[in-house]
Amino acid sequence: MKSWYQTFKLWCLDILPLTKDAIHVYIGFFCLLVALIVFRRRLGSYQALIPGLVLSISMEILDLRDGYPWSASVHDLVNTNLMPFVLVTLTRLRTFKV
């Protein structure tokens, strides 16, 4: 029997014409955007990455509880957080150039 979380994920995959990996990337960008707008952070602030990191870890805890392997969870964490991290880091590097 599937948990409510796995049922919800399958329902989302049925509605959205995206792969599981693409959905993780979109979630990461959405969390970054929310952090920038709601918490009024600058794009160069690593604090803007915290909501995406917290959400992705929470999602992966639920996946691990349902029996998914560690390797899949690490893969999903990277998919969710890599591009926002790169964007913030590139913004910081450009800002601090002398």
Protein backbone atom coordinates (compact mmCIF):
# COMPACT_ATOMS: atom_id res chain seq x y z
CA MET A 1 0.00 0.00 0.00
CA LYS A 2 1.31 3.43 -0.96
CA SER A 3 1.56 6.28 1.51
CA TRP A 4 -0.42 9.49 1.02
CA TYR A 5 2.81 11.20 -0.07
CA GLN A 6 3.60 8.67 -2.81
CA THR A 7 -0.03 8.85 -4.00
CA PHE A 8 0.25 12.65 -4.16
CA LYS A 9 3.51 12.44 -6.13
CA LEU A 10 1.95 10.04 -8.66
CA TRP A 11 -1.06 12.34 -9.00
CA CYS A 12 1.27 15.30 -9.71
CA LEU A 13 3.17 13.28 -12.32
CA ASP A 14 -0.11 12.43 -14.03
CA ILE A 15 -1.10 16.10 -14.25
CA LEU A 16 2.25 17.69 -15.11
CA PRO A 17 3.90 16.76 -18.42
CA LEU A 18 7.34 16.58 -16.78
CA THR A 19 9.73 13.90 -15.64
CA LYS A 20 10.48 13.34 -11.97
CA ASP A 21 13.92 14.94 -12.37
CA ALA A 22 12.48 18.02 -14.08
CA ILE A 23 9.94 18.48 -11.30
CA HIS A 24 12.77 18.53 -8.75
CA VAL A 25 14.56 21.25 -10.72
CA TYR A 26 11.38 23.32 -10.88
CA ILE A 27 10.79 22.88 -7.15
CA GLY A 28 14.31 24.15 -6.46
CA PHE A 29 13.83 27.25 -8.60
CA PHE A 30 10.37 27.88 -7.11
CA CYS A 31 11.76 27.73 -3.57
CA LEU A 32 14.54 30.13 -4.51
CA LEU A 33 12.01 32.54 -6.03
CA VAL A 34 9.77 32.34 -2.95
CA ALA A 35 12.73 33.00 -0.66
CA LEU A 36 13.77 36.02 -2.71
CA ILE A 37 10.26 37.50 -2.73
CA VAL A 38 8.80 36.53 0.65
CA PHE A 39 11.92 36.83 2.77
CA ARG A 40 13.28 39.76 0.72
CA ARG A 41 16.67 38.20 0.21
CA ARG A 42 19.10 39.20 -2.50
CA LEU A 43 20.02 36.69 -5.17
CA GLY A 44 23.59 36.65 -3.87
CA SER A 45 22.49 35.50 -0.41
CA TYR A 46 23.07 31.87 0.50
CA GLN A 47 20.19 32.24 2.98
CA ALA A 48 17.85 32.22 -0.03
CA LEU A 49 18.78 28.55 -0.52
CA ILE A 50 17.50 27.43 2.89
CA PRO A 51 13.80 26.94 1.96
CA GLY A 52 14.70 24.72 -1.01
CA LEU A 53 17.13 22.71 1.06
CA VAL A 54 14.62 22.24 3.88
CA LEU A 55 11.82 21.23 1.49
CA SER A 56 14.00 18.81 -0.49
CA ILE A 57 15.32 17.14 2.67
CA SER A 58 11.76 16.81 3.97
CA MET A 59 10.62 15.21 0.72
CA GLU A 60 13.51 12.78 0.77
CA ILE A 61 12.85 11.80 4.39
CA LEU A 62 9.34 10.82 3.30
CA ASP A 63 10.77 8.88 0.34
CA LEU A 64 13.25 7.05 2.58
CA ARG A 65 10.46 6.21 5.00
CA ASP A 66 8.60 4.61 2.09
CA GLY A 67 11.56 2.43 1.17
CA TYR A 68 13.31 4.36 -1.59
CA PRO A 69 17.10 3.85 -1.76
CA TRP A 70 19.63 6.38 -0.50
CA SER A 71 21.11 6.82 -3.97
CA ALA A 72 17.77 8.03 -5.34
CA SER A 73 17.44 10.49 -2.47
CA VAL A 74 20.91 11.93 -3.04
CA HIS A 75 20.13 12.24 -6.76
CA ASP A 76 16.90 14.12 -5.97
CA LEU A 77 18.65 16.42 -3.47
CA VAL A 78 21.21 17.35 -6.10
CA ASN A 79 18.53 17.89 -8.77
CA THR A 80 16.56 20.17 -6.47
CA ASN A 81 19.39 22.28 -5.10
CA LEU A 82 22.22 22.37 -7.65
CA MET A 83 20.97 25.03 -10.08
CA PRO A 84 19.81 27.49 -7.38
CA PHE A 85 23.19 27.02 -5.67
CA VAL A 86 25.06 27.67 -8.93
CA LEU A 87 22.95 30.76 -9.64
CA VAL A 88 23.54 32.23 -6.19
CA THR A 89 27.26 31.41 -6.31
CA LEU A 90 27.71 32.98 -9.75
CA THR A 91 25.88 36.09 -8.55
CA ARG A 92 28.16 36.32 -5.52
CA LEU A 93 31.29 35.87 -7.63
CA ARG A 94 30.21 38.59 -10.01
CA THR A 95 29.29 40.92 -7.11
CA PHE A 96 32.61 40.50 -5.29
CA LYS A 97 34.84 40.94 -8.34
CA VAL A 98 37.22 43.88 -8.00
